[in-house]
Amino acid sequence: MSFPDDRTGEPLLEVDDAQVCFYTRGGVVQAVRGVTFAVHRGETLGLVGESGSGKSVTALAVLGLLQPPGRVTGGDIRWKGRSLVGRAGLKRARRIRGKEMAVVFQDPMTSLNPLFPVRSQIAEVLRHHLGMSRREAEERVVELLDLVGIPAPRQRAGAYPHELSGGQRQRVLIAMALACEPELLIADEPTTALDVTIQAQILELIHEIQQRLGLAVLLITHDLGVVAGVCRRVAVMYGGKIMEMGGADEVFERPAHPYTAGLLRSTPRLDVVRPRLVGIDGLPPNMTAPPPGCPFQPRCDRATSACETMPALRPDGDRREVACWHALGREGIDATGVAGQPVA
């Protein structure tokens, strides 16, 4: 299964040198530091990285859902060419959020209100954005629940979240996100709380709906297997920055950045027998005082004094960009995680 890659025309979403900080008693947390990417109609971009890399904060900034003490402190975020930053931009984000762009969060139990049946929670979106009457909205809810594959949708519409299984709750969130037929779906770790079988079903569901509605999808995850299976393009984040970006096949088969190579070395594979997984030594950076140059420098075995200055994303082949002074280039890593050999 793979999502389409129809990057034609102007992008729907442009994130241009975005910076997000959280002002806390312990200091200023520089969560996102100059992130740039675009999402076009019909494509799926995977945003991947370990916990704390800035993936979800980037999504919240795009949606205009950052709450104090967090705020966008630099750069721009544009939807169809119009800024979503600043007072006027946040008003614009409120108007399009749920209508033109929608989000599916990772934990449906914390995203759904336990005091209301799912019918009223989905209908609220329809009545707010589309001005439907109560009866029209409730009939549309049944159609949406049927669209996402929930059995006996009319009966399930009256259920409360705790009466549904984890997979059904996630399908309800997807139905709510699709209620107004948005152009962009942001899926933030949509399969994390689900077992493997249900994960596959949810990913297949998103794929089918994307083909049917022509959605663009921004898939945020730490699961490299999910990205490799469903994305054509991928951006790898670390320390609030994008380290590598390009076609998923190129990035996973022959990673250019040492951090991407480290992630792949630490991922179990069914086609390779390893005595043990190879982890990345060291700890993620303290984002209240990140390294002055490349954030991966303290953990990188290829680091030199040049890495004290952060390189910009530079082209590395036809479909890839990498932010590294010592990119692995064509040497890649082999199946056992040894640098300097072709990837199996």
C-alpha atoms as a PDB file:
ATOM      1  CA  MET A   1       0.000   0.000   0.000  1.00  0.00           C
ATOM      2  CA  SER A   2       1.314   3.443  -0.871  1.00  0.00           C
ATOM      3  CA  PHE A   3      -0.284   6.840  -1.019  1.00  0.00           C
ATOM      4  CA  PRO A   4      -0.237   8.810  -4.274  1.00  0.00           C
ATOM      5  CA  ASP A   5       2.355  11.476  -5.018  1.00  0.00           C
ATOM      6  CA  ASP A   6       0.576  14.092  -7.104  1.00  0.00           C
ATOM      7  CA  ARG A   7       2.544  17.217  -6.320  1.00  0.00           C
ATOM      8  CA  THR A   8       1.113  19.550  -8.921  1.00  0.00           C
ATOM      9  CA  GLY A   9       0.361  23.247  -8.796  1.00  0.00           C
ATOM     10  CA  GLU A  10       0.726  25.451  -5.749  1.00  0.00           C
ATOM     11  CA  PRO A  11       1.052  23.721  -2.368  1.00  0.00           C
ATOM     12  CA  LEU A  12      -1.876  23.700   0.030  1.00  0.00           C
ATOM     13  CA  LEU A  13       0.305  24.111   3.115  1.00  0.00           C
ATOM     14  CA  GLU A  14       3.644  25.896   3.343  1.00  0.00           C
ATOM     15  CA  VAL A  15       5.709  25.936   6.532  1.00  0.00           C
ATOM     16  CA  ASP A  16       8.497  28.468   6.015  1.00  0.00           C
ATOM     17  CA  ASP A  17      11.329  28.663   8.578  1.00  0.00           C
ATOM     18  CA  ALA A  18       8.803  28.166  11.416  1.00  0.00           C
ATOM     19  CA  GLN A  19      10.027  28.647  14.978  1.00  0.00           C
ATOM     20  CA  VAL A  20       8.071  27.776  18.118  1.00  0.00           C
ATOM     21  CA  CYS A  21       9.115  28.500  21.710  1.00  0.00           C
ATOM     22  CA  PHE A  22       7.606  27.676  25.105  1.00  0.00           C
ATOM     23  CA  TYR A  23       8.295  30.241  27.824  1.00  0.00           C
ATOM     24  CA  THR A  24       8.570  28.277  31.083  1.00  0.00           C
ATOM     25  CA  ARG A  25       9.991  28.853  34.538  1.00  0.00           C
ATOM     26  CA  GLY A  26      12.875  26.560  33.636  1.00  0.00           C
ATOM     27  CA  GLY A  27      13.778  28.618  30.581  1.00  0.00           C
ATOM     28  CA  VAL A  28      12.744  29.092  26.977  1.00  0.00           C
ATOM     29  CA  VAL A  29      12.171  25.742  25.281  1.00  0.00           C
ATOM     30  CA  GLN A  30      13.072  26.061  21.593  1.00  0.00           C
ATOM     31  CA  ALA A  31      10.769  23.290  20.389  1.00  0.00           C
ATOM     32  CA  VAL A  32      10.807  24.060  16.646  1.00  0.00           C
ATOM     33  CA  ARG A  33      13.785  25.844  15.111  1.00  0.00           C
ATOM     34  CA  GLY A  34      13.451  26.843  11.485  1.00  0.00           C
ATOM     35  CA  VAL A  35      11.327  24.066   9.964  1.00  0.00           C
ATOM     36  CA  THR A  36      10.461  24.342   6.274  1.00  0.00           C
ATOM     37  CA  PHE A  37       8.321  22.009   4.164  1.00  0.00           C
ATOM     38  CA  ALA A  38       5.254  22.030   1.906  1.00  0.00           C
ATOM     39  CA  VAL A  39       2.292  19.692   1.382  1.00  0.00           C
ATOM     40  CA  HIS A  40       0.659  19.516  -2.048  1.00  0.00           C
ATOM     41  CA  ARG A  41      -2.782  18.309  -3.051  1.00  0.00           C
ATOM     42  CA  GLY A  42      -3.149  14.545  -3.009  1.00  0.00           C
ATOM     43  CA  GLU A  43       0.247  13.723  -1.503  1.00  0.00           C
ATOM     44  CA  THR A  44       1.223  12.176   1.811  1.00  0.00           C
ATOM     45  CA  LEU A  45       4.214  13.604   3.663  1.00  0.00           C
ATOM     46  CA  GLY A  46       5.567  11.626   6.603  1.00  0.00           C
ATOM     47  CA  LEU A  47       7.045  13.656   9.460  1.00  0.00           C
ATOM     48  CA  VAL A  48       9.147  11.234  11.500  1.00  0.00           C
ATOM     49  CA  GLY A  49      11.411  11.471  14.538  1.00  0.00           C
ATOM     50  CA  GLU A  50      11.781  10.410  18.142  1.00  0.00           C
ATOM     51  CA  SER A  51       9.705  11.843  20.983  1.00  0.00           C
ATOM     52  CA  GLY A  52      10.578  15.485  21.658  1.00  0.00           C
ATOM     53  CA  SER A  53      11.838  16.197  18.147  1.00  0.00           C
ATOM     54  CA  GLY A  54       9.119  18.799  17.507  1.00  0.00           C
ATOM     55  CA  LYS A  55       6.735  16.870  15.236  1.00  0.00           C
ATOM     56  CA  SER A  56       3.492  17.360  17.163  1.00  0.00           C
ATOM     57  CA  VAL A  57       4.358  20.959  18.094  1.00  0.00           C
ATOM     58  CA  THR A  58       4.754  21.689  14.393  1.00  0.00           C
ATOM     59  CA  ALA A  59       1.268  20.265  13.771  1.00  0.00           C
ATOM     60  CA  LEU A  60      -0.235  22.333  16.593  1.00  0.00           C
ATOM     61  CA  ALA A  61       1.375  25.461  15.151  1.00  0.00           C
ATOM     62  CA  VAL A  62      -0.087  24.689  11.714  1.00  0.00           C
ATOM     63  CA  LEU A  63      -3.562  24.236  13.225  1.00  0.00           C
ATOM     64  CA  GLY A  64      -3.331  27.357  15.396  1.00  0.00           C
ATOM     65  CA  LEU A  65      -3.782  25.241  18.539  1.00  0.00           C
ATOM     66  CA  LEU A  66      -0.693  26.335  20.475  1.00  0.00           C
ATOM     67  CA  GLN A  67      -1.600  27.464  23.964  1.00  0.00           C
ATOM     68  CA  PRO A  68       0.421  29.699  26.297  1.00  0.00           C
ATOM     69  CA  PRO A  69       3.248  29.466  27.187  1.00  0.00           C
ATOM     70  CA  GLY A  70       3.879  28.323  23.594  1.00  0.00           C
ATOM     71  CA  ARG A  71       3.783  30.541  20.526  1.00  0.00           C
ATOM     72  CA  VAL A  72       5.172  30.898  17.031  1.00  0.00           C
ATOM     73  CA  THR A  73       8.169  33.220  17.340  1.00  0.00           C
ATOM     74  CA  GLY A  74       9.446  33.306  13.767  1.00  0.00           C
ATOM     75  CA  GLY A  75       8.882  32.261  10.194  1.00  0.00           C
ATOM     76  CA  ASP A  76       5.522  31.809   8.533  1.00  0.00           C
ATOM     77  CA  ILE A  77       2.822  29.176   8.023  1.00  0.00           C
ATOM     78  CA  ARG A  78       0.639  29.639   4.940  1.00  0.00           C
ATOM     79  CA  TRP A  79      -2.557  27.925   3.832  1.00  0.00           C
ATOM     80  CA  LYS A  80      -3.253  28.436   0.122  1.00  0.00           C
ATOM     81  CA  GLY A  81      -0.817  31.333   0.193  1.00  0.00           C
ATOM     82  CA  ARG A  82      -2.383  33.150   3.192  1.00  0.00           C
ATOM     83  CA  SER A  83      -0.595  33.370   6.516  1.00  0.00           C
ATOM     84  CA  LEU A  84      -1.896  31.588   9.623  1.00  0.00           C
ATOM     85  CA  VAL A  85       0.509  33.436  11.951  1.00  0.00           C
ATOM     86  CA  GLY A  86      -0.296  36.512  14.025  1.00  0.00           C
ATOM     87  CA  ARG A  87      -3.665  37.744  15.263  1.00  0.00           C
ATOM     88  CA  ALA A  88      -5.296  37.853  11.831  1.00  0.00           C
ATOM     89  CA  GLY A  89      -3.732  34.516  10.894  1.00  0.00           C
ATOM     90  CA  LEU A  90      -5.065  32.793  14.024  1.00  0.00           C
ATOM     91  CA  LYS A  91      -8.576  34.044  13.233  1.00  0.00           C
ATOM     92  CA  ARG A  92      -8.193  32.600   9.757  1.00  0.00           C
ATOM     93  CA  ALA A  93      -6.962  29.296  11.237  1.00  0.00           C
ATOM     94  CA  ARG A  94     -10.052  29.078  13.450  1.00  0.00           C
ATOM     95  CA  ARG A  95     -12.299  29.466  10.414  1.00  0.00           C
ATOM     96  CA  ILE A  96     -10.627  26.741   8.351  1.00  0.00           C
ATOM     97  CA  ARG A  97      -9.736  24.315  11.159  1.00  0.00           C
ATOM     98  CA  GLY A  98     -12.136  21.402  10.976  1.00  0.00           C
ATOM     99  CA  LYS A  99     -13.435  22.560   7.604  1.00  0.00           C
ATOM    100  CA  GLU A 100     -10.507  22.842   5.173  1.00  0.00           C
ATOM    101  CA  MET A 101      -7.876  21.150   7.339  1.00  0.00           C
ATOM    102  CA  ALA A 102      -8.594  18.578  10.041  1.00  0.00           C
ATOM    103  CA  VAL A 103      -6.629  16.536  12.555  1.00  0.00           C
ATOM    104  CA  VAL A 104      -6.728  13.044  14.032  1.00  0.00           C
ATOM    105  CA  PHE A 105      -4.893  12.843  17.364  1.00  0.00           C
ATOM    106  CA  GLN A 106      -3.245   9.728  18.747  1.00  0.00           C
ATOM    107  CA  ASP A 107      -5.399   9.041  21.810  1.00  0.00           C
ATOM    108  CA  PRO A 108      -9.144   9.003  21.073  1.00  0.00           C
ATOM    109  CA  MET A 109     -10.071   8.699  24.754  1.00  0.00           C
ATOM    110  CA  THR A 110      -8.573  12.107  25.493  1.00  0.00           C
ATOM    111  CA  SER A 111      -9.871  13.633  22.251  1.00  0.00           C
ATOM    112  CA  LEU A 112     -13.502  12.581  22.666  1.00  0.00           C
ATOM    113  CA  ASN A 113     -15.748  14.001  25.387  1.00  0.00           C
ATOM    114  CA  PRO A 114     -16.856  11.116  27.661  1.00  0.00           C
ATOM    115  CA  LEU A 115     -20.087  12.931  28.604  1.00  0.00           C
ATOM    116  CA  PHE A 116     -21.656  13.035  25.130  1.00  0.00           C
ATOM    117  CA  PRO A 117     -22.563  10.351  22.580  1.00  0.00           C
ATOM    118  CA  VAL A 118     -20.476  10.329  19.421  1.00  0.00           C
ATOM    119  CA  ARG A 119     -23.506  11.520  17.408  1.00  0.00           C
ATOM    120  CA  SER A 120     -23.562  14.911  19.090  1.00  0.00           C
ATOM    121  CA  GLN A 121     -19.777  15.320  18.939  1.00  0.00           C
ATOM    122  CA  ILE A 122     -19.602  14.769  15.176  1.00  0.00           C
ATOM    123  CA  ALA A 123     -22.817  16.731  14.541  1.00  0.00           C
ATOM    124  CA  GLU A 124     -21.327  19.750  16.317  1.00  0.00           C
ATOM    125  CA  VAL A 125     -18.673  20.033  13.589  1.00  0.00           C
ATOM    126  CA  LEU A 126     -21.313  19.857  10.845  1.00  0.00           C
ATOM    127  CA  ARG A 127     -23.606  22.431  12.437  1.00  0.00           C
ATOM    128  CA  HIS A 128     -20.762  24.844  13.213  1.00  0.00           C
ATOM    129  CA  HIS A 129     -19.009  24.791   9.828  1.00  0.00           C
ATOM    130  CA  LEU A 130     -21.772  23.841   7.383  1.00  0.00           C
ATOM    131  CA  GLY A 131     -24.837  25.284   9.128  1.00  0.00           C
ATOM    132  CA  MET A 132     -26.780  22.025   8.999  1.00  0.00           C
ATOM    133  CA  SER A 133     -29.961  21.555  10.945  1.00  0.00           C
ATOM    134  CA  ARG A 134     -29.975  19.087  13.805  1.00  0.00           C
ATOM    135  CA  ARG A 135     -31.772  16.411  11.777  1.00  0.00           C
ATOM    136  CA  GLU A 136     -29.523  16.899   8.731  1.00  0.00           C
ATOM    137  CA  ALA A 137     -26.411  16.674  10.881  1.00  0.00           C
ATOM    138  CA  GLU A 138     -27.533  13.484  12.605  1.00  0.00           C
ATOM    139  CA  GLU A 139     -28.266  11.799   9.263  1.00  0.00           C
ATOM    140  CA  ARG A 140     -24.848  12.868   7.985  1.00  0.00           C
ATOM    141  CA  VAL A 141     -23.247  11.387  11.126  1.00  0.00           C
ATOM    142  CA  VAL A 142     -24.694   7.979  10.258  1.00  0.00           C
ATOM    143  CA  GLU A 143     -23.276   8.277   6.728  1.00  0.00           C
ATOM    144  CA  LEU A 144     -19.855   9.220   8.077  1.00  0.00           C
ATOM    145  CA  LEU A 145     -19.764   6.329  10.552  1.00  0.00           C
ATOM    146  CA  ASP A 146     -20.667   3.981   7.715  1.00  0.00           C
ATOM    147  CA  LEU A 147     -17.909   5.553   5.570  1.00  0.00           C
ATOM    148  CA  VAL A 148     -15.234   4.747   8.174  1.00  0.00           C
ATOM    149  CA  GLY A 149     -16.422   1.165   8.521  1.00  0.00           C
ATOM    150  CA  ILE A 150     -18.236   1.154  11.862  1.00  0.00           C
ATOM    151  CA  PRO A 151     -20.887  -1.635  11.877  1.00  0.00           C
ATOM    152  CA  ALA A 152     -24.506  -0.734  12.668  1.00  0.00           C
ATOM    153  CA  PRO A 153     -23.701   2.995  12.370  1.00  0.00           C
ATOM    154  CA  ARG A 154     -27.147   4.220  13.424  1.00  0.00           C
ATOM    155  CA  GLN A 155     -26.955   2.343  16.724  1.00  0.00           C
ATOM    156  CA  ARG A 156     -23.274   3.197  17.295  1.00  0.00           C
ATOM    157  CA  ALA A 157     -24.039   6.894  16.785  1.00  0.00           C
ATOM    158  CA  GLY A 158     -25.827   6.911  20.124  1.00  0.00           C
ATOM    159  CA  ALA A 159     -22.954   5.208  21.973  1.00  0.00           C
ATOM    160  CA  TYR A 160     -20.625   6.965  24.407  1.00  0.00           C
ATOM    161  CA  PRO A 161     -16.849   6.743  23.837  1.00  0.00           C
ATOM    162  CA  HIS A 162     -16.308   4.222  26.648  1.00  0.00           C
ATOM    163  CA  GLU A 163     -18.798   1.864  24.988  1.00  0.00           C
ATOM    164  CA  LEU A 164     -16.640   1.563  21.863  1.00  0.00           C
ATOM    165  CA  SER A 165     -13.412  -0.343  21.267  1.00  0.00           C
ATOM    166  CA  GLY A 166     -10.125   1.490  20.704  1.00  0.00           C
ATOM    167  CA  GLY A 167     -10.296   0.937  16.959  1.00  0.00           C
ATOM    168  CA  GLN A 168     -13.890   2.166  16.797  1.00  0.00           C
ATOM    169  CA  ARG A 169     -13.023   5.289  18.773  1.00  0.00           C
ATOM    170  CA  GLN A 170     -10.206   6.052  16.339  1.00  0.00           C
ATOM    171  CA  ARG A 171     -12.640   5.582  13.446  1.00  0.00           C
ATOM    172  CA  VAL A 172     -15.004   8.043  15.132  1.00  0.00           C
ATOM    173  CA  LEU A 173     -12.175  10.599  15.243  1.00  0.00           C
ATOM    174  CA  ILE A 174     -11.509  10.018  11.549  1.00  0.00           C
ATOM    175  CA  ALA A 175     -15.225  10.443  10.801  1.00  0.00           C
ATOM    176  CA  MET A 176     -15.212  13.717  12.748  1.00  0.00           C
ATOM    177  CA  ALA A 177     -12.128  14.917  10.845  1.00  0.00           C
ATOM    178  CA  LEU A 178     -13.722  14.059   7.496  1.00  0.00           C
ATOM    179  CA  ALA A 179     -17.138  15.539   8.326  1.00  0.00           C
ATOM    180  CA  CYS A 180     -16.613  18.699   6.261  1.00  0.00           C
ATOM    181  CA  GLU A 181     -14.548  16.969   3.547  1.00  0.00           C
ATOM    182  CA  PRO A 182     -11.290  18.830   4.274  1.00  0.00           C
ATOM    183  CA  GLU A 183      -8.445  19.188   1.789  1.00  0.00           C
ATOM    184  CA  LEU A 184      -5.712  18.327   4.304  1.00  0.00           C
ATOM    185  CA  LEU A 185      -5.774  15.673   7.027  1.00  0.00           C
ATOM    186  CA  ILE A 186      -3.123  15.869   9.757  1.00  0.00           C
ATOM    187  CA  ALA A 187      -2.769  12.446  11.378  1.00  0.00           C
ATOM    188  CA  ASP A 188      -0.713  12.754  14.562  1.00  0.00           C
ATOM    189  CA  GLU A 189       0.375   9.249  15.643  1.00  0.00           C
ATOM    190  CA  PRO A 190      -3.043   7.845  14.624  1.00  0.00           C
ATOM    191  CA  THR A 191      -2.108   4.209  15.384  1.00  0.00           C
ATOM    192  CA  THR A 192       0.056   4.479  18.514  1.00  0.00           C
ATOM    193  CA  ALA A 193      -2.539   3.273  21.048  1.00  0.00           C
ATOM    194  CA  LEU A 194      -3.808   0.414  18.852  1.00  0.00           C
ATOM    195  CA  ASP A 195      -2.711  -3.180  18.411  1.00  0.00           C
ATOM    196  CA  VAL A 196      -0.954  -4.215  15.197  1.00  0.00           C
ATOM    197  CA  THR A 197      -4.034  -5.617  13.448  1.00  0.00           C
ATOM    198  CA  ILE A 198      -6.102  -2.483  14.127  1.00  0.00           C
ATOM    199  CA  GLN A 199      -3.165  -0.277  13.093  1.00  0.00           C
ATOM    200  CA  ALA A 200      -3.190  -1.838   9.646  1.00  0.00           C
ATOM    201  CA  GLN A 201      -6.948  -1.363   9.365  1.00  0.00           C
ATOM    202  CA  ILE A 202      -6.740   2.326  10.313  1.00  0.00           C
ATOM    203  CA  LEU A 203      -3.920   3.001   7.834  1.00  0.00           C
ATOM    204  CA  GLU A 204      -5.820   1.193   5.087  1.00  0.00           C
ATOM    205  CA  LEU A 205      -8.920   3.236   5.956  1.00  0.00           C
ATOM    206  CA  ILE A 206      -7.020   6.532   5.657  1.00  0.00           C
ATOM    207  CA  HIS A 207      -5.576   5.331   2.350  1.00  0.00           C
ATOM    208  CA  GLU A 208      -9.002   4.429   0.938  1.00  0.00           C
ATOM    209  CA  ILE A 209     -10.559   7.708   2.041  1.00  0.00           C
ATOM    210  CA  GLN A 210      -7.652   9.686   0.609  1.00  0.00           C
ATOM    211  CA  GLN A 211      -8.118   8.039  -2.773  1.00  0.00           C
ATOM    212  CA  ARG A 212     -11.858   8.643  -2.662  1.00  0.00           C
ATOM    213  CA  LEU A 213     -11.700  12.304  -1.595  1.00  0.00           C
ATOM    214  CA  GLY A 214      -8.314  13.349  -3.007  1.00  0.00           C
ATOM    215  CA  LEU A 215      -6.997  14.373   0.422  1.00  0.00           C
ATOM    216  CA  ALA A 216      -3.510  15.585   1.212  1.00  0.00           C
ATOM    217  CA  VAL A 217      -2.170  13.887   4.345  1.00  0.00           C
ATOM    218  CA  LEU A 218       0.508  14.976   6.815  1.00  0.00           C
ATOM    219  CA  LEU A 219       1.338  11.795   8.754  1.00  0.00           C
ATOM    220  CA  ILE A 220       3.231  12.357  12.005  1.00  0.00           C
ATOM    221  CA  THR A 221       4.805   9.298  13.593  1.00  0.00           C
ATOM    222  CA  HIS A 222       7.885   7.791  15.216  1.00  0.00           C
ATOM    223  CA  ASP A 223       7.206   4.442  13.517  1.00  0.00           C
ATOM    224  CA  LEU A 224       9.526   4.091  10.527  1.00  0.00           C
ATOM    225  CA  GLY A 225       7.624   1.022   9.345  1.00  0.00           C
ATOM    226  CA  VAL A 226       4.408   3.034   9.012  1.00  0.00           C
ATOM    227  CA  VAL A 227       6.170   5.766   7.022  1.00  0.00           C
ATOM    228  CA  ALA A 228       7.930   3.290   4.724  1.00  0.00           C
ATOM    229  CA  GLY A 229       4.641   1.553   3.981  1.00  0.00           C
ATOM    230  CA  VAL A 230       2.381   4.522   3.270  1.00  0.00           C
ATOM    231  CA  CYS A 231       4.402   7.646   2.377  1.00  0.00           C
ATOM    232  CA  ARG A 232       6.107   8.718  -0.828  1.00  0.00           C
ATOM    233  CA  ARG A 233       7.943  11.620   0.862  1.00  0.00           C
ATOM    234  CA  VAL A 234       9.420  11.816   4.335  1.00  0.00           C
ATOM    235  CA  ALA A 235      10.982  14.513   6.523  1.00  0.00           C
ATOM    236  CA  VAL A 236      13.176  13.367   9.435  1.00  0.00           C
ATOM    237  CA  MET A 237      13.167  15.696  12.467  1.00  0.00           C
ATOM    238  CA  TYR A 238      15.600  15.926  15.368  1.00  0.00           C
ATOM    239  CA  GLY A 239      16.128  18.665  17.916  1.00  0.00           C
ATOM    240  CA  GLY A 240      13.447  20.892  16.389  1.00  0.00           C
ATOM    241  CA  LYS A 241      15.007  20.791  12.917  1.00  0.00           C
ATOM    242  CA  ILE A 242      14.575  18.788   9.738  1.00  0.00           C
ATOM    243  CA  MET A 243      17.699  16.699   9.222  1.00  0.00           C
ATOM    244  CA  GLU A 244      16.765  15.001   5.965  1.00  0.00           C
ATOM    245  CA  MET A 245      13.876  15.174   3.508  1.00  0.00           C
ATOM    246  CA  GLY A 246      13.115  13.369   0.290  1.00  0.00           C
ATOM    247  CA  GLY A 247      11.515  10.353  -1.320  1.00  0.00           C
ATOM    248  CA  ALA A 248      10.797   7.637   1.232  1.00  0.00           C
ATOM    249  CA  ASP A 249      12.436   4.937  -0.888  1.00  0.00           C
ATOM    250  CA  GLU A 250      15.658   6.927  -1.231  1.00  0.00           C
ATOM    251  CA  VAL A 251      15.785   7.968   2.420  1.00  0.00           C
ATOM    252  CA  PHE A 252      15.171   4.496   3.831  1.00  0.00           C
ATOM    253  CA  GLU A 253      17.246   2.529   1.328  1.00  0.00           C
ATOM    254  CA  ARG A 254      20.243   4.855   1.455  1.00  0.00           C
ATOM    255  CA  PRO A 255      20.045   7.373   4.325  1.00  0.00           C
ATOM    256  CA  ALA A 256      22.285  10.406   3.967  1.00  0.00           C
ATOM    257  CA  HIS A 257      22.143  11.860   7.490  1.00  0.00           C
ATOM    258  CA  PRO A 258      23.843   9.948  10.339  1.00  0.00           C
ATOM    259  CA  TYR A 259      20.737  10.414  12.494  1.00  0.00           C
ATOM    260  CA  THR A 260      18.496   8.785   9.876  1.00  0.00           C
ATOM    261  CA  ALA A 261      21.015   5.950   9.616  1.00  0.00           C
ATOM    262  CA  GLY A 262      20.947   5.590  13.407  1.00  0.00           C
ATOM    263  CA  LEU A 263      17.157   5.375  13.443  1.00  0.00           C
ATOM    264  CA  LEU A 264      17.233   2.639  10.822  1.00  0.00           C
ATOM    265  CA  ARG A 265      19.939   0.688  12.657  1.00  0.00           C
ATOM    266  CA  SER A 266      17.802   0.680  15.807  1.00  0.00           C
ATOM    267  CA  THR A 267      14.677  -0.578  14.004  1.00  0.00           C
ATOM    268  CA  PRO A 268      13.923  -4.341  13.983  1.00  0.00           C
ATOM    269  CA  ARG A 269      13.855  -5.954  10.540  1.00  0.00           C
ATOM    270  CA  LEU A 270      12.311  -9.247   9.501  1.00  0.00           C
ATOM    271  CA  ASP A 271      14.654  -9.767   6.538  1.00  0.00           C
ATOM    272  CA  VAL A 272      17.894  -9.472   8.516  1.00  0.00           C
ATOM    273  CA  VAL A 273      19.178 -11.566  11.432  1.00  0.00           C
ATOM    274  CA  ARG A 274      20.936  -9.377  14.015  1.00  0.00           C
ATOM    275  CA  PRO A 275      22.437 -10.482  17.312  1.00  0.00           C
ATOM    276  CA  ARG A 276      21.108  -7.272  18.850  1.00  0.00           C
ATOM    277  CA  LEU A 277      19.748  -3.868  17.885  1.00  0.00           C
ATOM    278  CA  VAL A 278      22.232  -1.023  17.619  1.00  0.00           C
ATOM    279  CA  GLY A 279      21.085   2.032  19.547  1.00  0.00           C
ATOM    280  CA  ILE A 280      22.198   5.648  19.280  1.00  0.00           C
ATOM    281  CA  ASP A 281      24.565   6.564  22.108  1.00  0.00           C
ATOM    282  CA  GLY A 282      23.837   9.632  24.221  1.00  0.00           C
ATOM    283  CA  LEU A 283      20.668  11.588  24.948  1.00  0.00           C
ATOM    284  CA  PRO A 284      18.475  14.005  22.975  1.00  0.00           C
ATOM    285  CA  PRO A 285      19.444  17.672  23.388  1.00  0.00           C
ATOM    286  CA  ASN A 286      18.108  19.885  26.163  1.00  0.00           C
ATOM    287  CA  MET A 287      15.939  22.236  24.148  1.00  0.00           C
ATOM    288  CA  THR A 288      16.292  25.057  26.673  1.00  0.00           C
ATOM    289  CA  ALA A 289      19.989  25.140  25.690  1.00  0.00           C
ATOM    290  CA  PRO A 290      20.384  23.253  22.392  1.00  0.00           C
ATOM    291  CA  PRO A 291      23.814  22.837  20.799  1.00  0.00           C
ATOM    292  CA  PRO A 292      24.860  25.925  18.793  1.00  0.00           C
ATOM    293  CA  GLY A 293      25.306  23.934  15.595  1.00  0.00           C
ATOM    294  CA  CYS A 294      23.893  20.607  14.518  1.00  0.00           C
ATOM    295  CA  PRO A 295      21.696  19.244  17.341  1.00  0.00           C
ATOM    296  CA  PHE A 296      22.903  15.701  16.605  1.00  0.00           C
ATOM    297  CA  GLN A 297      26.585  16.653  16.955  1.00  0.00           C
ATOM    298  CA  PRO A 298      27.083  15.362  20.561  1.00  0.00           C
ATOM    299  CA  ARG A 299      25.805  11.894  19.533  1.00  0.00           C
ATOM    300  CA  CYS A 300      27.349  11.657  16.048  1.00  0.00           C
ATOM    301  CA  ASP A 301      30.473   9.593  15.373  1.00  0.00           C
ATOM    302  CA  ARG A 302      31.195  11.663  12.250  1.00  0.00           C
ATOM    303  CA  ALA A 303      31.110  15.066  13.971  1.00  0.00           C
ATOM    304  CA  THR A 304      33.949  17.557  13.487  1.00  0.00           C
ATOM    305  CA  SER A 305      34.472  21.215  14.335  1.00  0.00           C
ATOM    306  CA  ALA A 306      32.493  22.135  11.199  1.00  0.00           C
ATOM    307  CA  CYS A 307      29.367  20.762  12.906  1.00  0.00           C
ATOM    308  CA  GLU A 308      29.444  23.663  15.380  1.00  0.00           C
ATOM    309  CA  THR A 309      27.692  25.577  12.581  1.00  0.00           C
ATOM    310  CA  MET A 310      24.302  24.243  11.528  1.00  0.00           C
ATOM    311  CA  PRO A 311      24.209  23.489   7.791  1.00  0.00           C
ATOM    312  CA  ALA A 312      21.152  24.316   5.741  1.00  0.00           C
ATOM    313  CA  LEU A 313      19.158  21.632   3.933  1.00  0.00           C
ATOM    314  CA  ARG A 314      21.122  21.042   0.733  1.00  0.00           C
ATOM    315  CA  PRO A 315      20.266  18.942  -2.333  1.00  0.00           C
ATOM    316  CA  ASP A 316      21.707  15.435  -2.207  1.00  0.00           C
ATOM    317  CA  GLY A 317      20.535  13.783  -5.399  1.00  0.00           C
ATOM    318  CA  ASP A 318      17.415  14.474  -7.406  1.00  0.00           C
ATOM    319  CA  ARG A 319      14.762  13.917  -4.726  1.00  0.00           C
ATOM    320  CA  ARG A 320      16.503  14.500  -1.418  1.00  0.00           C
ATOM    321  CA  GLU A 321      17.867  17.256   0.812  1.00  0.00           C
ATOM    322  CA  VAL A 322      20.122  16.758   3.823  1.00  0.00           C
ATOM    323  CA  ALA A 323      21.400  19.088   6.563  1.00  0.00           C
ATOM    324  CA  CYS A 324      24.837  17.615   7.282  1.00  0.00           C
ATOM    325  CA  TRP A 325      28.451  18.581   6.596  1.00  0.00           C
ATOM    326  CA  HIS A 326      29.425  14.898   6.487  1.00  0.00           C
ATOM    327  CA  ALA A 327      26.469  13.265   4.770  1.00  0.00           C
ATOM    328  CA  LEU A 328      26.824   9.558   4.088  1.00  0.00           C
ATOM    329  CA  GLY A 329      26.047  10.143   0.419  1.00  0.00           C
ATOM    330  CA  ARG A 330      26.226   6.979  -1.680  1.00  0.00           C
ATOM    331  CA  GLU A 331      27.994   4.896   0.927  1.00  0.00           C
ATOM    332  CA  GLY A 332      24.866   4.498   3.100  1.00  0.00           C
ATOM    333  CA  ILE A 333      24.718   1.817   5.804  1.00  0.00           C
ATOM    334  CA  ASP A 334      24.540  -1.932   5.430  1.00  0.00           C
ATOM    335  CA  ALA A 335      21.957  -4.271   6.932  1.00  0.00           C
ATOM    336  CA  THR A 336      24.004  -4.759  10.091  1.00  0.00           C
ATOM    337  CA  GLY A 337      24.344  -1.021  10.648  1.00  0.00           C
ATOM    338  CA  VAL A 338      27.952  -0.558   9.452  1.00  0.00           C
ATOM    339  CA  ALA A 339      28.621   2.757   7.760  1.00  0.00           C
ATOM    340  CA  GLY A 340      30.318   2.769   4.397  1.00  0.00           C
ATOM    341  CA  GLN A 341      28.503  -0.175   2.760  1.00  0.00           C
ATOM    342  CA  PRO A 342      25.451  -0.285   0.504  1.00  0.00           C
ATOM    343  CA  VAL A 343      22.126  -0.772   2.193  1.00  0.00           C
ATOM    344  CA  ALA A 344      20.698  -4.277   1.820  1.00  0.00           C
END
